[in-house]
Amino acid sequence: MSNHNTDHAPTDLTIVVNQPSPLTALEQQRLTVLLNHCVKPSAITIDALMSVQQTRGWISDQTLQAIAEFIGVSEADLDSVATFYNLIFRLPVANVVLHPCNGMACHLMAGEDIEHQISQCLGIQPGQSDENFTLVPLPCLGACDKAPVMIADKILFERITIAQVSNILAQLTARQANDA
């Protein structure tokens, strides 16, 4: 008589065979290209995260685990990279991420007022999103001679004034509508 019960429901320990990878074929191809151009897998962690984020918009826990397994680094090491760099998003973001500079030069040139105006116009605080925008200030964008500055949708906005904020947001909204 067998001690195995075949009528039981699957448990958390059930192994799923042929489970598809959470990485798409294109993402796997891009990661393979990166791996082929490095000495150690740890050398591509930022590029790997950015590559996958480019198609998904952000890096979920499941995606991070899949990347770590695919490139051969520990999940903890990859997570430490992902949480250190401000441009790796670990939570969903809107289509346009606003990066006003909050570095010293921009701060001295009213950058804090610009950030506050953006928050007021959108009704969100830093780290929050609305239907179109996510606001993520960054410490320095390296354009101190053009302060205050902001990067949004791959555009560097220079010498921003409070009066320009609503026009910049409208321009970015229109640009997204045209791309859709």
Protein backbone atom coordinates (compact mmCIF):
# COMPACT_ATOMS: atom_id res chain seq x y z
CA MET A 1 0.00 0.00 0.00
CA SER A 2 1.34 3.38 -0.99
CA ASN A 3 1.73 6.26 1.45
CA HIS A 4 1.41 8.84 -1.38
CA ASN A 5 -1.85 10.73 -1.59
CA THR A 6 -2.49 11.73 -5.21
CA ASP A 7 -5.70 13.63 -4.46
CA HIS A 8 -4.10 16.58 -2.67
CA ALA A 9 -4.10 20.17 -3.91
CA PRO A 10 -0.79 21.77 -4.94
CA THR A 11 1.13 23.45 -2.14
CA ASP A 12 3.63 26.30 -2.18
CA LEU A 13 6.33 23.69 -2.65
CA THR A 14 4.91 22.53 -5.98
CA ILE A 15 7.48 22.86 -8.75
CA VAL A 16 6.11 24.34 -11.95
CA VAL A 17 7.76 22.78 -14.98
CA ASN A 18 8.29 24.83 -18.16
CA GLN A 19 7.40 28.11 -16.45
CA PRO A 20 8.09 30.92 -18.93
CA SER A 21 10.83 33.37 -18.04
CA PRO A 22 9.62 36.74 -16.83
CA LEU A 23 12.17 38.22 -19.24
CA THR A 24 11.09 38.64 -22.84
CA ALA A 25 13.17 37.25 -25.69
CA LEU A 26 14.28 40.79 -26.57
CA GLU A 27 15.33 41.49 -22.97
CA GLN A 28 17.25 38.20 -22.85
CA GLN A 29 18.94 39.06 -26.15
CA ARG A 30 20.00 42.49 -24.86
CA LEU A 31 21.34 40.97 -21.63
CA THR A 32 23.24 38.34 -23.60
CA VAL A 33 24.91 41.06 -25.68
CA LEU A 34 25.93 42.85 -22.48
CA LEU A 35 27.26 39.62 -20.97
CA ASN A 36 29.29 38.92 -24.10
CA HIS A 37 31.09 42.25 -23.68
CA CYS A 38 32.14 41.96 -20.06
CA VAL A 39 34.67 40.08 -17.98
CA LYS A 40 32.40 39.65 -14.94
CA PRO A 41 28.60 39.70 -14.80
CA SER A 42 28.72 42.24 -11.97
CA ALA A 43 30.16 44.74 -14.47
CA ILE A 44 26.84 44.98 -16.33
CA THR A 45 24.41 45.34 -13.43
CA ILE A 46 23.49 48.99 -14.11
CA ASP A 47 23.27 48.48 -17.86
CA ALA A 48 21.20 45.32 -17.38
CA LEU A 49 18.75 47.09 -15.10
CA MET A 50 18.50 50.10 -17.42
CA SER A 51 18.01 47.88 -20.47
CA VAL A 52 15.09 46.00 -18.94
CA GLN A 53 13.64 49.17 -17.43
CA GLN A 54 13.66 50.72 -20.90
CA THR A 55 11.01 48.23 -22.02
CA ARG A 56 9.06 47.92 -18.75
CA GLY A 57 9.30 51.37 -17.23
CA TRP A 58 10.38 50.06 -13.82
CA ILE A 59 12.00 47.05 -12.11
CA SER A 60 9.65 44.89 -10.04
CA ASP A 61 10.91 42.37 -7.47
CA GLN A 62 10.13 39.52 -9.89
CA THR A 63 11.95 41.27 -12.72
CA LEU A 64 14.96 41.95 -10.50
CA GLN A 65 15.09 38.27 -9.55
CA ALA A 66 14.86 37.23 -13.21
CA ILE A 67 17.67 39.60 -14.23
CA ALA A 68 19.87 38.41 -11.36
CA GLU A 69 19.36 34.76 -12.33
CA PHE A 70 19.93 35.45 -16.02
CA ILE A 71 23.18 37.40 -15.63
CA GLY A 72 24.51 35.29 -12.75
CA VAL A 73 24.68 37.73 -9.84
CA SER A 74 22.99 37.51 -6.48
CA GLU A 75 19.59 39.09 -6.10
CA ALA A 76 20.87 41.01 -3.04
CA ASP A 77 23.79 42.49 -5.00
CA LEU A 78 21.54 43.52 -7.88
CA ASP A 79 19.00 45.00 -5.49
CA SER A 80 21.71 47.06 -3.79
CA VAL A 81 22.64 48.53 -7.18
CA ALA A 82 18.99 49.12 -8.11
CA THR A 83 18.18 50.91 -4.88
CA PHE A 84 21.36 53.01 -4.91
CA TYR A 85 20.90 54.59 -8.35
CA ASN A 86 18.14 57.20 -8.61
CA LEU A 87 17.43 56.37 -12.24
CA ILE A 88 16.46 52.76 -11.54
CA PHE A 89 12.79 52.80 -10.61
CA ARG A 90 11.68 50.10 -8.16
CA LEU A 91 8.06 51.27 -8.24
CA PRO A 92 5.83 52.06 -11.23
CA VAL A 93 6.28 55.53 -12.68
CA ALA A 94 4.21 57.65 -15.06
CA ASN A 95 5.13 58.05 -18.72
CA VAL A 96 7.13 61.21 -17.99
CA VAL A 97 9.52 61.35 -15.05
CA LEU A 98 10.43 64.90 -14.02
CA HIS A 99 13.93 65.29 -12.58
CA PRO A 100 14.36 68.81 -11.26
CA CYS A 101 17.85 69.36 -9.95
CA ASN A 102 18.15 70.00 -6.24
CA GLY A 103 21.93 70.47 -6.26
CA MET A 104 23.55 73.50 -4.67
CA ALA A 105 23.78 75.66 -7.82
CA CYS A 106 20.14 75.05 -8.71
CA HIS A 107 19.12 75.57 -5.09
CA LEU A 108 20.85 78.96 -5.10
CA MET A 109 19.08 79.86 -8.34
CA ALA A 110 15.56 79.15 -6.98
CA GLY A 111 15.47 75.45 -7.85
CA GLU A 112 13.52 74.74 -4.68
CA ASP A 113 10.85 77.20 -5.84
CA ILE A 114 10.70 75.44 -9.23
CA GLU A 115 10.23 72.07 -7.56
CA HIS A 116 7.51 73.54 -5.33
CA GLN A 117 5.74 75.03 -8.38
CA ILE A 118 5.82 71.68 -10.16
CA SER A 119 4.33 70.04 -7.06
CA GLN A 120 1.58 72.68 -6.92
CA CYS A 121 0.74 72.43 -10.63
CA LEU A 122 0.50 68.65 -10.55
CA GLY A 123 -0.82 68.18 -7.03
CA ILE A 124 1.93 65.70 -6.19
CA GLN A 125 4.97 65.65 -3.92
CA PRO A 126 8.47 64.36 -4.76
CA GLY A 127 8.33 60.59 -5.22
CA GLN A 128 4.65 60.68 -6.24
CA SER A 129 2.86 60.36 -9.58
CA ASP A 130 -0.27 61.59 -11.25
CA GLU A 131 -1.70 60.16 -14.49
CA ASN A 132 1.08 61.72 -16.62
CA PHE A 133 4.05 62.63 -14.44
CA THR A 134 6.27 61.28 -11.67
CA LEU A 135 8.33 63.80 -9.72
CA VAL A 136 11.82 62.59 -8.74
CA PRO A 137 14.31 65.35 -7.88
CA LEU A 138 17.97 64.46 -8.42
CA PRO A 139 21.01 65.76 -6.51
CA CYS A 140 22.96 67.22 -9.44
CA LEU A 141 22.40 67.09 -13.18
CA GLY A 142 25.80 68.53 -14.06
CA ALA A 143 24.46 71.65 -15.74
CA CYS A 144 25.24 74.12 -12.96
CA ASP A 145 25.99 76.94 -15.39
CA LYS A 146 22.41 76.70 -16.68
CA ALA A 147 20.69 76.53 -13.26
CA PRO A 148 18.01 75.85 -12.38
CA VAL A 149 17.58 72.82 -14.63
CA MET A 150 15.35 69.80 -15.03
CA ILE A 151 15.47 66.69 -17.18
CA ALA A 152 12.18 65.30 -18.44
CA ASP A 153 11.48 63.01 -21.39
CA LYS A 154 15.18 63.16 -22.36
CA ILE A 155 15.08 66.96 -22.60
CA LEU A 156 17.23 69.27 -20.48
CA PHE A 157 15.24 72.35 -19.52
CA GLU A 158 17.62 75.19 -18.64
CA ARG A 159 17.30 78.41 -16.65
CA ILE A 160 13.75 77.54 -15.66
CA THR A 161 11.59 80.22 -14.10
CA ILE A 162 8.45 79.70 -12.04
CA ALA A 163 6.45 81.30 -14.85
CA GLN A 164 7.71 78.64 -17.31
CA VAL A 165 6.72 75.59 -15.24
CA SER A 166 3.10 75.30 -16.45
CA ASN A 167 4.21 75.77 -20.09
CA ILE A 168 6.89 73.09 -19.71
CA LEU A 169 4.32 70.67 -18.25
CA ALA A 170 1.90 71.46 -21.10
CA GLN A 171 4.67 70.92 -23.66
CA LEU A 172 5.53 67.55 -22.11
CA THR A 173 1.85 66.54 -22.01
CA ALA A 174 1.42 67.45 -25.69
CA ARG A 175 4.57 65.56 -26.59
CA GLN A 176 3.23 62.42 -24.89
CA ALA A 177 -0.13 62.81 -26.66
CA ASN A 178 1.67 63.04 -30.02
CA ASP A 179 3.72 59.93 -29.25
CA ALA A 180 0.63 57.89 -28.34
